[in-house]
Protein backbone atom coordinates (compact mmCIF):
# COMPACT_ATOMS: atom_id res chain seq x y z
CA MET A 1 -8.41 -26.53 -2.08
CA LYS A 2 -9.90 -28.28 -5.35
CA ASP A 3 -13.04 -29.09 -5.29
CA SER A 4 -14.21 -33.44 -7.11
CA GLN A 5 -13.77 -31.90 -10.51
CA GLY A 6 -10.08 -30.56 -9.97
CA GLN A 7 -10.88 -26.87 -10.00
CA THR A 8 -9.16 -24.65 -7.17
CA LEU A 9 -11.21 -23.25 -4.59
CA TYR A 10 -9.05 -21.43 -2.26
CA VAL A 11 -5.43 -20.41 -2.02
CA GLY A 12 -4.20 -19.83 1.29
CA LYS A 13 -1.00 -19.86 3.18
CA ALA A 14 -0.17 -21.10 6.68
CA LYS A 15 2.99 -21.27 9.44
CA ASN A 16 1.92 -24.79 10.11
CA LEU A 17 -0.44 -26.30 7.48
CA LYS A 18 -1.14 -28.73 9.77
CA ASN A 19 -3.39 -26.89 11.95
CA ARG A 20 -4.87 -24.52 9.76
CA VAL A 21 -6.21 -27.35 7.32
CA GLN A 22 -7.66 -28.74 10.59
CA SER A 23 -9.58 -25.61 11.58
CA TYR A 24 -12.00 -26.24 8.81
CA PHE A 25 -13.56 -29.44 10.03
CA ARG A 26 -13.25 -28.51 14.12
CA ASN A 27 -16.24 -26.42 15.54
CA SER A 28 -18.18 -26.46 12.51
CA LYS A 29 -21.23 -24.10 14.06
CA HIS A 30 -18.25 -21.46 14.45
CA LEU A 31 -17.84 -21.53 10.83
CA SER A 32 -19.18 -18.89 8.48
CA PRO A 33 -21.51 -20.12 6.16
CA LYS A 34 -18.74 -19.15 3.31
CA ILE A 35 -16.74 -21.39 4.78
CA LYS A 36 -19.28 -24.41 5.48
CA LYS A 37 -19.93 -23.89 1.71
CA LEU A 38 -16.07 -24.44 1.12
CA VAL A 39 -15.34 -27.44 3.19
CA LYS A 40 -18.44 -29.54 1.74
CA HIS A 41 -17.41 -28.99 -2.06
CA LEU A 42 -13.40 -29.65 -0.63
CA ARG A 43 -11.93 -32.80 -1.99
CA ASP A 44 -8.39 -32.81 -2.29
CA PHE A 45 -5.57 -29.91 -2.24
CA ASP A 46 -1.99 -29.32 -2.97
CA TYR A 47 0.71 -27.43 -1.20
CA ILE A 48 3.71 -25.78 -1.77
CA LEU A 49 6.50 -25.41 0.54
CA THR A 50 8.74 -22.18 0.75
CA ASP A 51 11.77 -20.73 2.90
CA THR A 52 10.35 -17.76 4.03
CA GLU A 53 6.68 -15.89 4.41
CA PHE A 54 7.52 -13.40 2.10
CA GLU A 55 7.50 -15.89 -0.41
CA ALA A 56 4.57 -17.24 1.08
CA PHE A 57 2.95 -13.92 0.51
CA MET A 58 4.19 -13.58 -3.01
CA LEU A 59 2.75 -16.84 -4.01
CA GLU A 60 -0.23 -16.77 -2.89
CA CYS A 61 -0.84 -13.14 -4.37
CA GLN A 62 0.29 -14.72 -7.75
CA LEU A 63 -1.72 -17.71 -7.33
CA ILE A 64 -4.70 -15.77 -6.94
CA LYS A 65 -4.68 -12.96 -9.57
CA SER A 66 -3.89 -16.28 -12.08
CA ILE A 67 -5.96 -18.77 -10.99
CA LYS A 68 -9.26 -16.52 -9.22
CA PRO A 69 -10.13 -18.95 -6.97
CA LEU A 70 -13.78 -18.77 -6.11
CA TYR A 71 -13.16 -18.55 -2.26
CA ASN A 72 -10.54 -15.73 -2.87
CA ARG A 73 -13.09 -13.00 -3.59
CA MET A 74 -11.14 -10.14 -1.34
CA MET A 75 -8.46 -10.47 -3.53
CA LYS A 76 -9.97 -10.50 -6.57
CA SER A 77 -12.91 -8.37 -6.24
CA PRO A 78 -12.99 -5.04 -8.85
CA GLN A 79 -13.42 -3.46 -6.24
CA SER A 80 -11.07 -3.66 -3.63
CA PHE A 81 -9.33 -0.79 -4.56
CA ILE A 82 -10.42 2.79 -5.01
CA TYR A 83 -9.05 6.23 -5.59
CA ILE A 84 -9.91 9.76 -4.52
CA SER A 85 -10.89 12.23 -7.45
CA VAL A 86 -10.93 16.18 -6.58
CA SER A 87 -12.01 17.95 -9.95
CA LEU A 88 -10.07 20.48 -11.21
CA THR A 89 -12.58 22.86 -12.86
CA GLY A 90 -16.79 24.08 -12.70
CA ASN A 91 -18.16 26.32 -9.70
CA HIS A 92 -18.68 23.28 -7.83
CA ARG A 93 -15.70 21.11 -7.52
CA LYS A 94 -15.93 18.28 -5.03
CA ILE A 95 -13.77 15.26 -3.90
CA ASP A 96 -15.60 12.08 -4.43
CA ILE A 97 -14.51 8.32 -4.48
CA ALA A 98 -13.97 6.02 -7.70
CA TYR A 99 -13.33 2.65 -8.79
CA ASN A 100 -11.64 3.25 -11.76
CA LEU A 101 -9.45 6.50 -13.36
CA ILE A 102 -10.89 7.99 -16.08
CA GLU A 103 -8.39 10.10 -18.75
CA ASN A 104 -9.35 13.73 -19.64
CA ASP A 105 -12.47 14.08 -17.15
CA GLY A 106 -11.32 17.18 -15.27
CA LYS A 107 -10.02 15.62 -12.08
CA VAL A 108 -6.82 14.24 -10.74
CA TYR A 109 -6.72 10.86 -8.94
CA PHE A 110 -4.72 9.34 -5.98
CA GLY A 111 -4.26 6.12 -5.46
CA PRO A 112 -5.18 3.43 -5.28
CA PHE A 113 -6.28 2.66 -1.59
CA THR A 114 -7.12 -0.49 -0.13
CA SER A 115 -9.25 0.22 1.77
CA ARG A 116 -12.73 2.26 1.60
CA SER A 117 -13.75 2.60 5.01
CA ASN A 118 -10.26 4.18 5.92
CA VAL A 119 -10.53 6.75 3.16
CA GLU A 120 -13.92 7.33 4.04
CA ARG A 121 -13.25 8.01 6.95
CA ALA A 122 -10.24 10.59 6.02
CA LEU A 123 -12.59 12.65 3.64
CA GLN A 124 -14.75 12.66 6.43
CA GLY A 125 -12.91 13.96 8.89
CA LEU A 126 -11.21 16.60 6.38
CA LYS A 127 -14.89 18.00 5.10
CA GLU A 128 -15.70 18.28 8.93
CA CYS A 129 -12.72 20.04 10.22
CA PHE A 130 -12.78 22.59 7.23
CA LYS A 131 -16.60 22.93 6.92
CA LEU A 132 -16.67 21.29 3.80
CA ASN A 133 -20.02 19.62 4.37
CA CYS A 134 -22.17 21.68 1.89
CA SER A 135 -25.70 20.11 0.86
CA ASN A 136 -26.69 22.47 -1.99
CA LEU A 137 -26.27 20.29 -4.96
CA THR A 138 -28.31 22.02 -7.54
CA GLY A 139 -25.17 24.61 -8.08
CA LYS A 140 -27.74 27.87 -7.13
CA ASN A 141 -26.41 30.76 -4.53
CA SER A 142 -28.41 29.87 -1.67
CA ALA A 143 -27.82 28.74 2.06
CA CYS A 144 -27.61 24.62 2.71
CA LEU A 145 -28.98 23.19 5.75
CA ASN A 146 -25.16 22.23 6.41
CA TYR A 147 -24.38 25.98 6.54
CA SER A 148 -27.46 26.40 9.11
CA LEU A 149 -25.21 23.80 11.23
CA GLY A 150 -22.33 25.00 10.79
CA SER A 151 -21.23 22.45 9.10
CA CYS A 152 -20.26 24.28 5.86
CA ILE A 153 -18.22 27.73 5.49
CA GLY A 154 -20.65 28.31 2.50
CA ARG A 155 -19.50 27.80 -0.95
CA CYS A 156 -23.02 26.99 -1.35
CA LEU A 157 -23.71 30.93 -1.44
CA GLY A 158 -20.77 31.61 -3.43
CA GLY A 159 -17.95 34.59 -3.04
CA PRO A 160 -15.22 34.88 -1.23
CA ALA A 161 -16.31 31.72 0.52
CA GLU A 162 -16.66 29.78 -2.81
CA GLN A 163 -12.38 31.07 -2.76
CA GLN A 164 -12.10 29.73 0.31
CA TYR A 165 -13.15 26.31 -0.98
CA ASN A 166 -11.64 25.90 -3.48
CA ASP A 167 -8.31 27.10 -1.80
CA ILE A 168 -8.51 24.19 0.32
CA LEU A 169 -9.00 21.31 -2.03
CA ASP A 170 -5.75 22.52 -3.59
CA ARG A 171 -4.31 22.18 -0.46
CA PHE A 172 -5.40 18.80 0.12
CA ILE A 173 -4.46 18.06 -3.36
CA GLY A 174 -1.16 18.89 -2.36
CA PHE A 175 -1.16 16.83 0.56
CA LEU A 176 -1.63 13.84 -1.72
CA LYS A 177 1.28 15.03 -3.73
CA GLY A 178 3.27 14.96 -0.84
CA THR A 179 4.20 19.22 -0.91
CA ASP A 180 2.10 20.64 0.96
CA MET A 181 1.55 19.46 5.12
CA SER A 182 -0.57 22.63 5.54
CA ILE A 183 -3.70 20.63 6.36
CA LEU A 184 -2.37 18.60 8.49
CA GLU A 185 -0.81 21.39 10.38
CA ASP A 186 -3.65 22.67 10.57
CA MET A 187 -5.79 20.24 11.74
CA ASN A 188 -3.07 19.40 14.55
CA GLN A 189 -3.57 23.47 15.57
CA MET A 190 -7.52 22.56 15.75
CA MET A 191 -6.50 19.90 18.29
CA LEU A 192 -4.33 21.61 20.15
CA ASN A 193 -6.77 24.72 20.66
CA ALA A 194 -9.38 22.61 21.32
CA SER A 195 -7.71 20.85 24.47
CA GLU A 196 -6.18 24.16 25.41
CA ALA A 197 -9.98 25.28 25.54
CA PHE A 198 -10.62 22.79 27.96
CA ASP A 199 -13.15 21.40 25.20
CA PHE A 200 -11.30 17.48 25.36
CA GLU A 201 -14.46 16.17 23.31
CA ALA A 202 -13.77 18.19 20.33
CA ALA A 203 -9.95 17.42 20.42
CA SER A 204 -10.77 13.84 21.00
CA ALA A 205 -12.28 14.35 17.22
CA TYR A 206 -9.70 16.23 15.42
CA ARG A 207 -6.68 13.87 16.72
CA ASP A 208 -8.82 11.07 15.17
CA HIS A 209 -9.24 12.90 12.55
CA THR A 210 -5.79 13.97 11.82
CA GLN A 211 -5.01 10.46 12.38
CA ALA A 212 -6.98 9.30 9.30
CA VAL A 213 -6.02 11.85 6.98
CA SER A 214 -2.34 11.18 7.95
CA SER A 215 -3.35 7.23 6.86
CA MET A 216 -3.70 8.33 3.41
CA LEU A 217 -0.06 9.56 3.37
CA LYS A 218 1.24 6.57 4.32
CA LYS A 219 -0.96 4.75 2.12
CA GLU A 220 0.45 6.84 -0.59
CA LYS A 221 4.13 5.64 0.00
CA VAL A 222 3.89 2.53 -0.58
CA ILE A 223 2.91 3.86 -4.46
CA GLU A 224 5.11 6.42 -4.61
CA PHE A 225 8.32 3.85 -3.13
CA THR A 226 6.93 1.06 -6.03
CA GLU A 227 6.57 3.81 -8.64
CA GLU A 228 10.63 4.48 -8.07
CA ASN A 229 11.31 1.03 -9.70
CA HIS A 230 14.29 0.56 -7.71
CA ASN A 231 16.82 -2.36 -7.83
CA ILE A 232 16.64 -3.97 -4.19
CA VAL A 233 18.95 -6.41 -2.58
CA ALA A 234 17.15 -8.05 0.28
CA ILE A 235 18.72 -10.97 2.67
CA GLU A 236 16.71 -13.13 5.17
CA ARG A 237 18.47 -15.24 7.41
CA LEU A 238 16.87 -18.22 7.57
CA THR A 239 19.76 -20.21 10.25
CA ASP A 240 22.79 -19.81 11.84
CA SER A 241 24.08 -20.85 8.51
CA THR A 242 22.23 -19.62 5.51
CA ILE A 243 21.07 -17.04 4.29
CA LYS A 244 18.43 -15.98 1.30
CA LEU A 245 19.08 -13.59 -1.70
CA PHE A 246 15.80 -12.05 -3.19
CA LEU A 247 16.19 -9.57 -6.10
CA ILE A 248 13.72 -7.43 -6.26
CA LYS A 249 11.90 -4.72 -8.82
CA ARG A 250 9.15 -3.37 -8.70
CA THR A 251 6.34 -5.56 -7.81
CA ASP A 252 8.59 -8.95 -9.07
CA ILE A 253 11.07 -11.51 -7.66
CA LEU A 254 13.20 -11.61 -10.49
CA PHE A 255 15.75 -13.82 -8.58
CA SER A 256 15.94 -15.72 -5.04
CA HIS A 257 18.95 -18.64 -3.98
CA SER A 258 19.70 -19.36 -0.67
CA TYR A 259 23.29 -19.52 0.66
CA ALA A 260 25.89 -20.63 2.82
CA ALA A 261 26.70 -17.54 5.63
CA ALA A 262 30.18 -18.57 5.51
CA GLY A 263 32.92 -17.78 2.85
CA ASN A 264 32.73 -15.05 0.59
CA ILE A 265 29.67 -15.02 -1.21
CA GLU A 266 29.68 -11.50 -2.41
CA ASP A 267 30.97 -12.03 -5.78
CA LYS A 268 27.81 -14.64 -6.50
CA ILE A 269 25.82 -12.16 -5.38
CA LYS A 270 27.20 -9.41 -7.41
CA THR A 271 26.63 -11.49 -10.34
CA ASN A 272 23.83 -11.88 -10.29
CA ILE A 273 22.63 -8.32 -9.24
CA LEU A 274 24.97 -7.42 -12.67
CA ALA A 275 22.75 -10.12 -14.63
CA TYR A 276 19.11 -9.25 -13.83
CA PHE A 277 19.40 -5.54 -12.89
CA LYS A 278 21.27 -4.75 -15.81
CA ASN A 279 19.50 -5.83 -18.61
CA ASP A 280 16.04 -6.41 -16.64
CA GLU A 281 13.01 -4.98 -18.52
CA SER A 282 10.47 -6.83 -16.90
CA ASN A 283 8.73 -3.55 -15.31
CA ALA A 284 9.01 0.17 -16.74
CA ALA A 285 8.66 2.90 -14.28
CA GLY A 286 5.10 3.89 -14.11
CA ASP A 287 1.37 4.32 -11.79
CA VAL A 288 1.36 1.61 -9.91
CA SER A 289 -2.04 -0.16 -11.19
CA ARG A 290 -4.75 -2.31 -9.03
CA HIS A 291 -2.90 -5.35 -10.16
CA GLU A 292 0.36 -4.44 -8.80
CA ILE A 293 -0.94 -3.02 -5.53
CA ASP A 294 -1.33 -6.43 -3.71
CA ALA A 295 2.43 -7.28 -3.87
CA ALA A 296 3.83 -3.34 -3.98
CA HIS A 297 1.92 -3.80 0.09
CA ILE A 298 3.79 -7.08 0.49
CA ILE A 299 6.93 -5.88 -0.72
CA TYR A 300 7.18 -2.86 1.22
CA ARG A 301 5.94 -4.33 4.23
CA TYR A 302 8.85 -7.01 4.12
CA LEU A 303 11.62 -4.55 3.71
CA HIS A 304 10.20 -2.10 6.53
CA SER A 305 9.31 -5.13 8.69
CA GLY A 306 13.07 -6.41 10.10
CA SER A 307 12.83 -9.76 9.14
CA CYS A 308 15.76 -8.59 6.68
CA SER A 309 18.11 -6.07 4.95
CA TYR A 310 17.95 -4.59 2.04
CA LEU A 311 19.76 -2.09 -0.24
CA ILE A 312 18.41 -0.17 -3.04
CA ILE A 313 20.96 -0.30 -6.02
CA PRO A 314 21.21 2.88 -8.06
CA GLU A 315 21.43 2.03 -11.53
CA ASN A 316 24.91 3.86 -11.73
CA TRP A 317 26.40 1.80 -9.51
CA LEU A 318 26.22 -1.32 -12.48
CA ASP A 319 28.19 0.25 -14.47
CA PRO A 320 32.06 -0.98 -14.11
CA GLU A 321 33.82 2.25 -13.35
CA ASN A 322 31.91 1.79 -9.75
CA HIS A 323 31.65 -1.80 -8.67
CA SER A 324 33.98 -1.06 -6.05
CA THR A 325 30.79 1.00 -4.24
CA LEU A 326 29.05 -1.72 -4.99
CA ASP A 327 31.28 -4.31 -3.96
CA LEU A 328 31.93 -2.15 -0.36
CA ALA A 329 27.85 -1.75 -0.24
CA LEU A 330 27.66 -5.77 -0.52
CA LYS A 331 29.94 -6.56 2.24
CA ASN A 332 28.65 -4.52 4.62
CA LEU A 333 25.36 -6.11 4.18
CA LEU A 334 26.63 -9.24 4.63
CA ASN A 335 28.79 -8.94 7.48
CA ASN A 336 25.47 -9.23 9.70
CA PRO A 337 22.22 -9.02 7.88
CA GLN A 338 20.66 -10.43 10.78
CA HIS A 339 20.75 -6.71 12.60
CA PHE A 340 22.95 -4.26 9.46
CA GLN A 341 19.53 -1.82 8.78
CA PRO A 342 21.39 -0.24 5.29
CA PRO A 343 21.05 2.35 4.52
CA ILE A 344 19.01 3.93 1.37
CA TYR A 345 21.49 5.15 -1.10
CA HIS A 346 20.53 7.28 -4.05
CA GLU A 347 22.19 8.48 -7.33
């Protein structure tokens, strides 16, 4: 959507463009002030037709990042993504929320996460379950108010409770790294104990806290999957006679093309795989930046949505001596791309 000067005000997507555009002009009294202001300045719009919804999501993401339209604030906000920081040093270590990574500051960072409210719920649940709500910020060995209320284990008093507090933080770090699930196991046990004691209100609270904490691990799976820098072949059926091929690396679509589903197209797809994956230098493995997180989520959701079938191609399959393995995997994928549930192959 553009104003009278040709400046892009807003980028959006729609399955039915006519209905979407008309929605901005109907029932104006129900529109938010932001949308009313957008409509007031709207003079023209361009549209781009895509073959799949996945392409529309990716194109929207790309255009918003490159153009930075005024009314797409959510995706261009510098505070859209947050991190969890856990201090590793000092007598009074703490869990906190950060908007930026700071190197060599004595903290370990996890994320980025896209929802501050979800992270805050998870951290509050962790603190309530394990009594980490210490309100003594002075560092002096005196009991805080929360200790008297039963929501602090007594880290403010020093001694064994301080070590217990640090042990919980270490286990939480292990949980976020995916190497220690004992935090989640303990929270589940708290829920069961409360239920067996017929304290259903407490059991319900423990259940909510457990779900909030476990949701952070799901977010981390997106990050972990993207950082593994896979060579991904995805196929989506457009019609009974047409399929769409995507070659994806990290957060980029390296190649896309439509093919007639009939006939032998394995060789054509194989040629593109070798051309784009064998010599690809577009992205190196490493931490996912906040600029990649939107595309990372779109790709991850697409691959696990059931809309496509996909294969992860190990690097050694690109070597000539392993092309027979690649040929077999492609043949299996193309036999029935609508229903085939491909395994994830590892080297």
